[in-house]
Amino acid sequence: MTEFVGIKVDKAPDQIYNLCMNTKTLNISMPAELVKKIDRQSKLQGSNRSDFIRRAVYRQLGVLEQWQALAAATRAGYQGKALTEADVAGIVRADREKQAR
């Protein structure tokens, strides 16, 4: 039995969260060592596994959305010839080799 806003509810705290936040429950598989790391970090942060993963996913989605916006803006202003995936891979490889020197 959990107390929620002064009312005793026959639900676990994560179930109450799901009801209040219009969430969906997912089943995902991860290597045991990764789960141990997640549990260790979430405990250090005073959090739980679900919250830790939720925040990590939000951060990663933010990074991807920024990257996609930057790529779209770059493509919109690009005046040169169309590049293939192989062209881009070659440019990246050459730049990495240059930085490694």
Foldseek 3Di string as FASTA:
>chain_A
DDADPNRDDPDDPVVVVCVVVVDDDDDDDDPPVVQVVLQVVCVVVVHHSVVSVVVVVVVVVVVVVVVVVVVVVCVVPDDDDDDDPVRVVVVVVVVVVVVVD
